[in-house]
N, C-alpha and C. Protein backbone atom coordinates (compact mmCIF):
# COMPACT_ATOMS: atom_id res chain seq x y z
N MET A 1 107.85 88.37 104.03
CA MET A 1 106.58 88.21 103.32
C MET A 1 106.80 87.23 102.18
N THR A 2 106.08 86.12 102.24
CA THR A 2 106.18 85.13 101.18
C THR A 2 105.27 85.53 100.01
N THR A 3 105.56 84.98 98.85
CA THR A 3 104.73 85.25 97.67
C THR A 3 103.29 84.78 97.90
N PRO A 4 103.05 83.58 98.45
CA PRO A 4 101.66 83.19 98.70
C PRO A 4 100.92 84.16 99.63
N ASN A 5 101.58 84.62 100.68
CA ASN A 5 100.93 85.57 101.59
C ASN A 5 100.69 86.91 100.90
N ALA A 6 101.61 87.32 100.05
CA ALA A 6 101.42 88.57 99.30
C ALA A 6 100.21 88.46 98.38
N LEU A 7 100.02 87.29 97.76
CA LEU A 7 98.85 87.08 96.90
C LEU A 7 97.55 87.12 97.71
N THR A 8 97.59 86.57 98.90
CA THR A 8 96.42 86.61 99.78
C THR A 8 96.10 88.05 100.17
N LEU A 9 97.13 88.81 100.52
CA LEU A 9 96.91 90.22 100.86
C LEU A 9 96.39 91.00 99.65
N LEU A 10 96.89 90.66 98.47
CA LEU A 10 96.40 91.31 97.25
C LEU A 10 94.90 91.08 97.11
N ARG A 11 94.45 89.88 97.41
CA ARG A 11 93.02 89.55 97.31
C ARG A 11 92.20 90.44 98.25
N ILE A 12 92.72 90.72 99.42
CA ILE A 12 92.01 91.59 100.36
C ILE A 12 92.01 93.03 99.85
N VAL A 13 93.12 93.47 99.28
CA VAL A 13 93.20 94.82 98.71
C VAL A 13 92.23 94.97 97.53
N LEU A 14 92.00 93.89 96.81
CA LEU A 14 91.09 93.93 95.66
C LEU A 14 89.63 94.13 96.07
N ILE A 15 89.28 93.81 97.31
CA ILE A 15 87.87 93.90 97.73
C ILE A 15 87.34 95.33 97.63
N PRO A 16 87.99 96.34 98.22
CA PRO A 16 87.44 97.70 98.04
C PRO A 16 87.48 98.17 96.59
N LEU A 17 88.47 97.72 95.82
CA LEU A 17 88.50 98.07 94.40
C LEU A 17 87.31 97.44 93.68
N PHE A 18 86.99 96.20 94.03
CA PHE A 18 85.84 95.51 93.45
C PHE A 18 84.56 96.27 93.78
N ILE A 19 84.40 96.65 95.04
CA ILE A 19 83.19 97.38 95.45
C ILE A 19 83.07 98.68 94.68
N GLY A 20 84.17 99.41 94.58
CA GLY A 20 84.14 100.66 93.82
C GLY A 20 83.78 100.43 92.37
N ALA A 21 84.33 99.40 91.78
CA ALA A 21 84.06 99.10 90.37
C ALA A 21 82.59 98.73 90.16
N CYS A 22 81.98 98.11 91.16
CA CYS A 22 80.57 97.72 91.05
C CYS A 22 79.65 98.91 90.82
N TYR A 23 80.05 100.07 91.31
CA TYR A 23 79.18 101.24 91.24
C TYR A 23 79.64 102.29 90.23
N LEU A 24 80.59 101.92 89.41
CA LEU A 24 81.01 102.84 88.35
C LEU A 24 79.95 102.90 87.26
N PRO A 25 79.73 104.08 86.72
CA PRO A 25 78.81 104.16 85.58
C PRO A 25 79.52 103.67 84.33
N GLY A 26 78.78 103.32 83.36
CA GLY A 26 79.39 102.90 82.10
C GLY A 26 79.16 101.44 81.80
N THR A 27 79.16 101.14 80.54
CA THR A 27 78.90 99.76 80.11
C THR A 27 80.08 98.85 80.37
N TRP A 28 81.25 99.39 80.60
CA TRP A 28 82.45 98.59 80.82
C TRP A 28 82.63 98.21 82.29
N ALA A 29 81.77 98.72 83.19
CA ALA A 29 81.92 98.46 84.62
C ALA A 29 81.83 96.96 84.93
N ASN A 30 80.91 96.25 84.24
CA ASN A 30 80.81 94.81 84.52
C ASN A 30 82.07 94.07 84.08
N GLU A 31 82.73 94.56 83.03
CA GLU A 31 83.99 93.94 82.61
C GLU A 31 85.09 94.16 83.66
N LEU A 32 85.12 95.37 84.24
CA LEU A 32 86.12 95.65 85.27
C LEU A 32 85.84 94.82 86.53
N THR A 33 84.58 94.76 86.97
CA THR A 33 84.27 93.95 88.15
C THR A 33 84.58 92.48 87.91
N THR A 34 84.30 92.02 86.71
CA THR A 34 84.61 90.63 86.36
C THR A 34 86.11 90.40 86.40
N PHE A 35 86.88 91.32 85.84
CA PHE A 35 88.34 91.19 85.84
C PHE A 35 88.88 91.14 87.27
N ILE A 36 88.41 92.07 88.12
CA ILE A 36 88.90 92.11 89.50
C ILE A 36 88.54 90.82 90.24
N PHE A 37 87.31 90.37 90.08
CA PHE A 37 86.90 89.13 90.77
C PHE A 37 87.68 87.93 90.23
N ALA A 38 87.84 87.85 88.91
CA ALA A 38 88.58 86.73 88.32
C ALA A 38 90.03 86.74 88.78
N LEU A 39 90.62 87.91 88.88
CA LEU A 39 92.00 88.02 89.38
C LEU A 39 92.07 87.50 90.81
N ALA A 40 91.11 87.88 91.63
CA ALA A 40 91.07 87.39 93.01
C ALA A 40 90.91 85.87 93.04
N ALA A 41 90.05 85.34 92.19
CA ALA A 41 89.83 83.88 92.15
C ALA A 41 91.10 83.15 91.73
N ILE A 42 91.80 83.71 90.76
CA ILE A 42 93.05 83.08 90.30
C ILE A 42 94.10 83.12 91.40
N THR A 43 94.21 84.25 92.11
CA THR A 43 95.20 84.32 93.19
C THR A 43 94.84 83.36 94.31
N ASP A 44 93.55 83.09 94.50
CA ASP A 44 93.13 82.11 95.51
C ASP A 44 93.73 80.74 95.19
N TRP A 45 93.62 80.34 93.96
CA TRP A 45 94.18 79.04 93.58
C TRP A 45 95.71 79.09 93.62
N PHE A 46 96.26 80.17 93.08
CA PHE A 46 97.70 80.26 92.91
C PHE A 46 98.44 80.36 94.23
N ASP A 47 97.90 81.08 95.21
CA ASP A 47 98.64 81.21 96.48
C ASP A 47 98.73 79.87 97.21
N GLY A 48 97.67 79.09 97.17
CA GLY A 48 97.72 77.77 97.80
C GLY A 48 98.67 76.83 97.09
N TYR A 49 98.64 76.89 95.76
CA TYR A 49 99.55 76.06 94.97
C TYR A 49 101.00 76.41 95.28
N LEU A 50 101.32 77.69 95.28
CA LEU A 50 102.70 78.12 95.54
C LEU A 50 103.13 77.80 96.97
N ALA A 51 102.23 77.99 97.92
CA ALA A 51 102.57 77.70 99.31
C ALA A 51 102.95 76.23 99.48
N ARG A 52 102.19 75.34 98.84
CA ARG A 52 102.51 73.91 98.94
C ARG A 52 103.76 73.57 98.13
N ARG A 53 103.84 74.09 96.93
CA ARG A 53 104.95 73.77 96.03
C ARG A 53 106.29 74.26 96.58
N TRP A 54 106.30 75.47 97.12
CA TRP A 54 107.54 76.07 97.63
C TRP A 54 107.71 75.84 99.12
N ASN A 55 106.82 75.04 99.70
CA ASN A 55 106.86 74.76 101.14
C ASN A 55 106.89 76.06 101.95
N GLN A 56 105.98 76.96 101.61
CA GLN A 56 105.88 78.25 102.30
C GLN A 56 104.57 78.36 103.06
N LEU A 57 104.15 77.25 103.64
CA LEU A 57 102.94 77.26 104.46
C LEU A 57 103.24 78.04 105.73
N SER A 58 102.29 78.85 106.16
CA SER A 58 102.50 79.65 107.37
C SER A 58 101.18 79.76 108.13
N ALA A 59 101.30 80.05 109.42
CA ALA A 59 100.10 80.26 110.23
C ALA A 59 99.34 81.47 109.73
N PHE A 60 100.06 82.51 109.34
CA PHE A 60 99.43 83.72 108.81
C PHE A 60 98.62 83.39 107.55
N GLY A 61 99.21 82.65 106.64
CA GLY A 61 98.52 82.27 105.42
C GLY A 61 97.34 81.35 105.69
N ALA A 62 97.52 80.41 106.61
CA ALA A 62 96.43 79.48 106.94
C ALA A 62 95.24 80.22 107.53
N PHE A 63 95.51 81.31 108.27
CA PHE A 63 94.43 82.12 108.82
C PHE A 63 93.82 83.03 107.76
N LEU A 64 94.67 83.78 107.05
CA LEU A 64 94.17 84.84 106.20
C LEU A 64 93.59 84.36 104.87
N ASP A 65 94.10 83.27 104.31
CA ASP A 65 93.62 82.79 103.01
C ASP A 65 92.12 82.52 103.01
N PRO A 66 91.59 81.72 103.94
CA PRO A 66 90.15 81.49 103.91
C PRO A 66 89.34 82.75 104.21
N VAL A 67 89.88 83.65 105.03
CA VAL A 67 89.19 84.90 105.31
C VAL A 67 89.06 85.71 104.03
N ALA A 68 90.16 85.84 103.29
CA ALA A 68 90.15 86.61 102.04
C ALA A 68 89.15 86.01 101.05
N ASP A 69 89.14 84.69 100.94
CA ASP A 69 88.21 84.01 100.02
C ASP A 69 86.76 84.30 100.39
N LYS A 70 86.45 84.12 101.65
CA LYS A 70 85.06 84.28 102.10
C LYS A 70 84.60 85.72 101.97
N LEU A 71 85.49 86.67 102.27
CA LEU A 71 85.12 88.07 102.12
C LEU A 71 84.81 88.42 100.67
N MET A 72 85.68 88.01 99.77
CA MET A 72 85.47 88.35 98.35
C MET A 72 84.19 87.70 97.82
N VAL A 73 83.96 86.45 98.15
CA VAL A 73 82.75 85.76 97.69
C VAL A 73 81.51 86.41 98.28
N ALA A 74 81.52 86.72 99.58
CA ALA A 74 80.35 87.33 100.22
C ALA A 74 80.06 88.70 99.62
N VAL A 75 81.09 89.50 99.42
CA VAL A 75 80.88 90.84 98.84
C VAL A 75 80.31 90.71 97.42
N ALA A 76 80.85 89.81 96.63
CA ALA A 76 80.37 89.63 95.26
C ALA A 76 78.92 89.15 95.25
N LEU A 77 78.58 88.22 96.13
CA LEU A 77 77.20 87.73 96.19
C LEU A 77 76.22 88.81 96.64
N VAL A 78 76.63 89.62 97.61
CA VAL A 78 75.77 90.72 98.05
C VAL A 78 75.54 91.68 96.89
N PHE A 79 76.58 91.99 96.14
CA PHE A 79 76.42 92.87 94.98
C PHE A 79 75.48 92.22 93.95
N LEU A 80 75.64 90.95 93.68
CA LEU A 80 74.78 90.30 92.70
C LEU A 80 73.32 90.29 93.14
N VAL A 81 73.09 90.11 94.43
CA VAL A 81 71.72 90.16 94.94
C VAL A 81 71.16 91.57 94.80
N GLU A 82 71.99 92.57 95.08
CA GLU A 82 71.54 93.96 94.92
C GLU A 82 71.23 94.26 93.45
N ALA A 83 72.06 93.76 92.56
CA ALA A 83 71.88 94.03 91.13
C ALA A 83 70.72 93.22 90.55
N ASN A 84 70.39 92.10 91.17
CA ASN A 84 69.33 91.20 90.68
C ASN A 84 68.45 90.78 91.85
N PRO A 85 67.68 91.71 92.42
CA PRO A 85 66.92 91.38 93.63
C PRO A 85 65.74 90.45 93.34
N SER A 86 65.97 89.18 93.56
CA SER A 86 64.92 88.19 93.38
C SER A 86 65.24 87.00 94.29
N PRO A 87 64.23 86.24 94.63
CA PRO A 87 64.50 85.04 95.43
C PRO A 87 65.46 84.08 94.72
N TRP A 88 65.43 84.08 93.39
CA TRP A 88 66.27 83.17 92.62
C TRP A 88 67.75 83.47 92.81
N MET A 89 68.09 84.73 93.08
CA MET A 89 69.48 85.09 93.35
C MET A 89 69.75 85.08 94.85
N SER A 90 68.77 85.49 95.63
CA SER A 90 68.97 85.62 97.08
C SER A 90 69.14 84.27 97.78
N ILE A 91 68.35 83.28 97.39
CA ILE A 91 68.38 81.99 98.09
C ILE A 91 69.73 81.29 97.96
N PRO A 92 70.26 81.08 96.75
CA PRO A 92 71.58 80.42 96.70
C PRO A 92 72.67 81.27 97.34
N SER A 93 72.56 82.59 97.24
CA SER A 93 73.55 83.47 97.86
C SER A 93 73.51 83.33 99.38
N ALA A 94 72.31 83.30 99.95
CA ALA A 94 72.18 83.14 101.40
C ALA A 94 72.70 81.77 101.85
N ILE A 95 72.44 80.75 101.06
CA ILE A 95 72.95 79.40 101.39
C ILE A 95 74.48 79.43 101.42
N ILE A 96 75.09 80.03 100.41
CA ILE A 96 76.55 80.05 100.32
C ILE A 96 77.15 80.86 101.47
N ILE A 97 76.63 82.05 101.72
CA ILE A 97 77.17 82.89 102.79
C ILE A 97 76.92 82.24 104.15
N GLY A 98 75.73 81.69 104.36
CA GLY A 98 75.41 81.02 105.62
C GLY A 98 76.32 79.83 105.89
N ARG A 99 76.59 79.07 104.86
CA ARG A 99 77.49 77.92 105.01
C ARG A 99 78.89 78.37 105.40
N GLU A 100 79.37 79.44 104.78
CA GLU A 100 80.71 79.94 105.08
C GLU A 100 80.82 80.37 106.54
N ILE A 101 79.79 81.04 107.04
CA ILE A 101 79.80 81.45 108.44
C ILE A 101 79.75 80.23 109.35
N THR A 102 78.89 79.27 109.03
CA THR A 102 78.76 78.05 109.85
C THR A 102 80.06 77.27 109.90
N ILE A 103 80.68 77.04 108.75
CA ILE A 103 81.91 76.24 108.71
C ILE A 103 83.07 77.00 109.35
N SER A 104 83.12 78.31 109.20
CA SER A 104 84.17 79.09 109.87
C SER A 104 84.04 78.96 111.38
N ALA A 105 82.83 79.05 111.89
CA ALA A 105 82.61 78.89 113.33
C ALA A 105 82.96 77.48 113.78
N LEU A 106 82.58 76.49 112.98
CA LEU A 106 82.89 75.10 113.30
C LEU A 106 84.41 74.88 113.35
N ARG A 107 85.12 75.40 112.37
CA ARG A 107 86.58 75.24 112.34
C ARG A 107 87.23 75.91 113.54
N GLU A 108 86.74 77.10 113.89
CA GLU A 108 87.30 77.80 115.05
C GLU A 108 87.07 76.99 116.31
N TRP A 109 85.87 76.47 116.48
CA TRP A 109 85.56 75.68 117.67
C TRP A 109 86.40 74.40 117.70
N MET A 110 86.51 73.75 116.54
CA MET A 110 87.30 72.52 116.48
C MET A 110 88.78 72.80 116.77
N ALA A 111 89.28 73.95 116.32
CA ALA A 111 90.66 74.31 116.60
C ALA A 111 90.88 74.50 118.10
N GLU A 112 89.90 75.08 118.78
CA GLU A 112 90.00 75.25 120.23
C GLU A 112 90.09 73.91 120.94
N LEU A 113 89.47 72.90 120.34
CA LEU A 113 89.52 71.55 120.92
C LEU A 113 90.74 70.76 120.47
N GLY A 114 91.55 71.38 119.60
CA GLY A 114 92.71 70.68 119.06
C GLY A 114 92.33 69.68 117.98
N GLN A 115 91.18 69.85 117.37
CA GLN A 115 90.66 68.91 116.37
C GLN A 115 90.49 69.55 115.00
N ARG A 116 91.28 70.57 114.71
CA ARG A 116 91.15 71.32 113.44
C ARG A 116 91.24 70.39 112.23
N ALA A 117 92.08 69.39 112.28
CA ALA A 117 92.25 68.48 111.14
C ALA A 117 90.97 67.70 110.84
N THR A 118 90.10 67.57 111.82
CA THR A 118 88.84 66.86 111.62
C THR A 118 87.98 67.54 110.56
N VAL A 119 88.11 68.87 110.47
CA VAL A 119 87.32 69.63 109.49
C VAL A 119 88.24 70.34 108.48
N ALA A 120 89.28 69.65 108.07
CA ALA A 120 90.18 70.19 107.05
C ALA A 120 89.45 70.25 105.71
N VAL A 121 89.97 71.09 104.83
CA VAL A 121 89.35 71.26 103.51
C VAL A 121 89.30 69.93 102.79
N SER A 122 88.13 69.61 102.25
CA SER A 122 87.95 68.35 101.54
C SER A 122 87.91 68.59 100.04
N TYR A 123 87.94 67.51 99.29
CA TYR A 123 87.86 67.61 97.83
C TYR A 123 86.56 68.27 97.40
N ILE A 124 85.46 67.90 98.04
CA ILE A 124 84.17 68.50 97.67
C ILE A 124 84.17 69.99 97.95
N GLY A 125 84.89 70.40 98.99
CA GLY A 125 85.03 71.82 99.29
C GLY A 125 85.76 72.56 98.18
N LYS A 126 86.76 71.92 97.62
CA LYS A 126 87.51 72.54 96.51
C LYS A 126 86.65 72.64 95.25
N VAL A 127 85.86 71.61 94.99
CA VAL A 127 84.95 71.64 93.83
C VAL A 127 83.90 72.73 94.04
N LYS A 128 83.39 72.83 95.25
CA LYS A 128 82.41 73.86 95.59
C LYS A 128 82.99 75.25 95.35
N THR A 129 84.21 75.47 95.79
CA THR A 129 84.85 76.77 95.61
C THR A 129 85.04 77.08 94.13
N THR A 130 85.44 76.10 93.35
CA THR A 130 85.61 76.30 91.91
C THR A 130 84.28 76.68 91.26
N ALA A 131 83.22 75.98 91.62
CA ALA A 131 81.89 76.28 91.06
C ALA A 131 81.45 77.68 91.46
N GLN A 132 81.69 78.05 92.71
CA GLN A 132 81.33 79.39 93.18
C GLN A 132 82.07 80.46 92.40
N MET A 133 83.38 80.31 92.31
CA MET A 133 84.20 81.33 91.64
C MET A 133 83.81 81.47 90.17
N LEU A 134 83.60 80.35 89.51
CA LEU A 134 83.23 80.40 88.10
C LEU A 134 81.84 80.99 87.92
N SER A 135 80.90 80.58 88.76
CA SER A 135 79.53 81.10 88.63
C SER A 135 79.49 82.61 88.86
N ILE A 136 80.17 83.08 89.88
CA ILE A 136 80.18 84.51 90.18
C ILE A 136 80.85 85.28 89.05
N THR A 137 81.93 84.75 88.52
CA THR A 137 82.61 85.41 87.39
C THR A 137 81.66 85.55 86.21
N LEU A 138 80.95 84.49 85.87
CA LEU A 138 80.01 84.54 84.74
C LEU A 138 78.85 85.48 85.02
N LEU A 139 78.33 85.47 86.25
CA LEU A 139 77.22 86.36 86.60
C LEU A 139 77.63 87.83 86.57
N LEU A 140 78.86 88.10 86.95
CA LEU A 140 79.34 89.48 86.91
C LEU A 140 79.50 89.96 85.47
N TYR A 141 79.98 89.09 84.61
CA TYR A 141 80.21 89.49 83.22
C TYR A 141 78.88 89.77 82.50
N ARG A 142 77.92 88.91 82.70
CA ARG A 142 76.53 89.07 82.24
C ARG A 142 76.31 88.92 80.74
N GLU A 143 77.13 89.53 79.94
CA GLU A 143 76.87 89.62 78.49
C GLU A 143 77.14 88.30 77.78
N PRO A 144 76.34 87.98 76.78
CA PRO A 144 76.62 86.75 76.01
C PRO A 144 77.99 86.86 75.32
N LEU A 145 78.65 85.76 75.23
CA LEU A 145 79.93 85.70 74.54
C LEU A 145 79.70 84.85 73.30
N TRP A 146 79.82 85.49 72.14
CA TRP A 146 79.37 84.91 70.89
C TRP A 146 77.89 84.58 71.07
N ASP A 147 77.49 83.35 70.96
CA ASP A 147 76.09 83.01 71.20
C ASP A 147 75.89 82.30 72.53
N PHE A 148 76.96 82.22 73.33
CA PHE A 148 76.88 81.51 74.60
C PHE A 148 76.27 82.41 75.68
N PRO A 149 75.19 81.96 76.34
CA PRO A 149 74.51 82.79 77.35
C PRO A 149 75.27 82.76 78.70
N ILE A 150 76.24 83.63 78.83
CA ILE A 150 77.11 83.68 80.01
C ILE A 150 76.31 83.79 81.31
N TYR A 151 75.36 84.72 81.34
CA TYR A 151 74.61 84.96 82.57
C TYR A 151 73.84 83.71 83.00
N TYR A 152 73.18 83.06 82.07
CA TYR A 152 72.39 81.88 82.42
C TYR A 152 73.29 80.71 82.83
N ALA A 153 74.42 80.59 82.19
CA ALA A 153 75.38 79.56 82.60
C ALA A 153 75.85 79.84 84.03
N GLY A 154 76.12 81.10 84.34
CA GLY A 154 76.53 81.47 85.69
C GLY A 154 75.43 81.20 86.70
N PHE A 155 74.20 81.44 86.29
CA PHE A 155 73.05 81.21 87.17
C PHE A 155 72.91 79.72 87.49
N VAL A 156 73.04 78.87 86.47
CA VAL A 156 72.97 77.42 86.68
C VAL A 156 74.12 76.97 87.58
N LEU A 157 75.31 77.49 87.32
CA LEU A 157 76.47 77.14 88.14
C LEU A 157 76.31 77.61 89.59
N LEU A 158 75.62 78.76 89.79
CA LEU A 158 75.38 79.24 91.14
C LEU A 158 74.53 78.23 91.92
N TYR A 159 73.54 77.64 91.26
CA TYR A 159 72.71 76.63 91.93
C TYR A 159 73.50 75.34 92.17
N ILE A 160 74.35 74.99 91.23
CA ILE A 160 75.23 73.83 91.45
C ILE A 160 76.14 74.11 92.63
N ALA A 161 76.69 75.33 92.69
CA ALA A 161 77.55 75.71 93.82
C ALA A 161 76.77 75.66 95.13
N ALA A 162 75.51 76.08 95.12
CA ALA A 162 74.71 76.05 96.35
C ALA A 162 74.48 74.61 96.81
N VAL A 163 74.20 73.71 95.88
CA VAL A 163 74.03 72.30 96.23
C VAL A 163 75.35 71.72 96.78
N LEU A 164 76.46 72.03 96.11
CA LEU A 164 77.77 71.56 96.59
C LEU A 164 78.10 72.18 97.95
N THR A 165 77.63 73.40 98.17
CA THR A 165 77.84 74.08 99.45
C THR A 165 77.14 73.32 100.58
N ILE A 166 75.91 72.93 100.34
CA ILE A 166 75.18 72.15 101.35
C ILE A 166 75.85 70.80 101.55
N TRP A 167 76.22 70.15 100.47
CA TRP A 167 76.88 68.84 100.56
C TRP A 167 78.17 68.95 101.37
N SER A 168 79.01 69.92 101.03
CA SER A 168 80.29 70.03 101.75
C SER A 168 80.06 70.39 103.22
N MET A 169 79.05 71.21 103.50
CA MET A 169 78.74 71.53 104.89
C MET A 169 78.33 70.27 105.66
N LEU A 170 77.54 69.44 105.03
CA LEU A 170 77.13 68.18 105.68
C LEU A 170 78.32 67.27 105.91
N VAL A 171 79.28 67.25 104.99
CA VAL A 171 80.49 66.44 105.16
C VAL A 171 81.27 66.93 106.39
N TYR A 172 81.43 68.25 106.51
CA TYR A 172 82.14 68.82 107.66
C TYR A 172 81.39 68.57 108.96
N LEU A 173 80.07 68.77 108.95
CA LEU A 173 79.29 68.56 110.16
C LEU A 173 79.30 67.09 110.59
N ARG A 174 79.26 66.21 109.60
CA ARG A 174 79.32 64.77 109.91
C ARG A 174 80.65 64.42 110.56
N ALA A 175 81.75 65.01 110.07
CA ALA A 175 83.06 64.75 110.66
C ALA A 175 83.14 65.27 112.09
N ALA A 176 82.46 66.38 112.35
CA ALA A 176 82.51 67.00 113.68
C ALA A 176 81.43 66.48 114.62
N LEU A 177 80.47 65.74 114.10
CA LEU A 177 79.31 65.30 114.88
C LEU A 177 79.68 64.59 116.19
N PRO A 178 80.64 63.67 116.20
CA PRO A 178 80.95 63.02 117.48
C PRO A 178 81.35 64.02 118.57
N LEU A 179 82.10 65.04 118.22
CA LEU A 179 82.48 66.04 119.21
C LEU A 179 81.32 66.97 119.55
N LEU A 180 80.49 67.25 118.57
CA LEU A 180 79.33 68.11 118.82
C LEU A 180 78.36 67.44 119.78
N LEU A 181 78.24 66.12 119.70
CA LEU A 181 77.29 65.37 120.53
C LEU A 181 77.92 64.82 121.81
N LYS A 182 79.20 65.04 121.98
CA LYS A 182 79.94 64.47 123.11
C LYS A 182 79.28 64.76 124.46
N ASP A 183 78.88 66.01 124.65
CA ASP A 183 78.27 66.37 125.94
C ASP A 183 76.75 66.37 125.87
N GLY A 184 76.21 65.87 124.78
CA GLY A 184 74.77 65.81 124.63
C GLY A 184 74.21 67.12 124.11
N LEU A 185 72.96 67.09 123.73
CA LEU A 185 72.30 68.30 123.23
C LEU A 185 71.80 69.04 124.42
C-alpha cells in the first residue's frame, strides 16, 4: 500500500463520516463537516502530488482517485442542495454532478478503445476541481469570517465552478469528437 493510495482510501472512508457529520445537531456541525471535506480536498491534491513526486503511480490509484473525488463532491453537493433547496443551489450542483457522470462514461469508453490519453485530465479540469473544492468548503462553513461573507463567496465560486465544469466538459468532448463521430450518428 503506497502513501498516495492510502490517502485516496482515506478520502473514501471520510465520506460516511462526512454524511454523519452533516446530520449532527449543534452549531459546531458545520465546522466539522467543513473540516472533513477540507481534509478530503487536501488529500486529493496531496495524493496526486506524492504519486508523481515519489513515482508511485499505480493502476489502483489511477482508478480509485477520480472515483473518490467524484463521490465526495457529489455527496457534498447533494447535502448542500438538501440544506438549501432552491434552483440557485440545485442548478450548478446538477451541472457539476452531470458533467462528472458524462466525463467518467466518456473516459471509460475511450479506454475501451485504447484512447484514454485523448481525454486525460487537462489544466482547465484542475482549475475546475480547485474552484469546486473551495466553493463547497466555503458553502459548508457558511458563517462569516470577520466581516468576509464566506457563504456568498462560496456561492459565487460554485457558479464559477459550474462554468468551468461546462468548459472542461466541452474540451474533453471536443477531443473525443472524432471518435464519437467515426461511425456516424
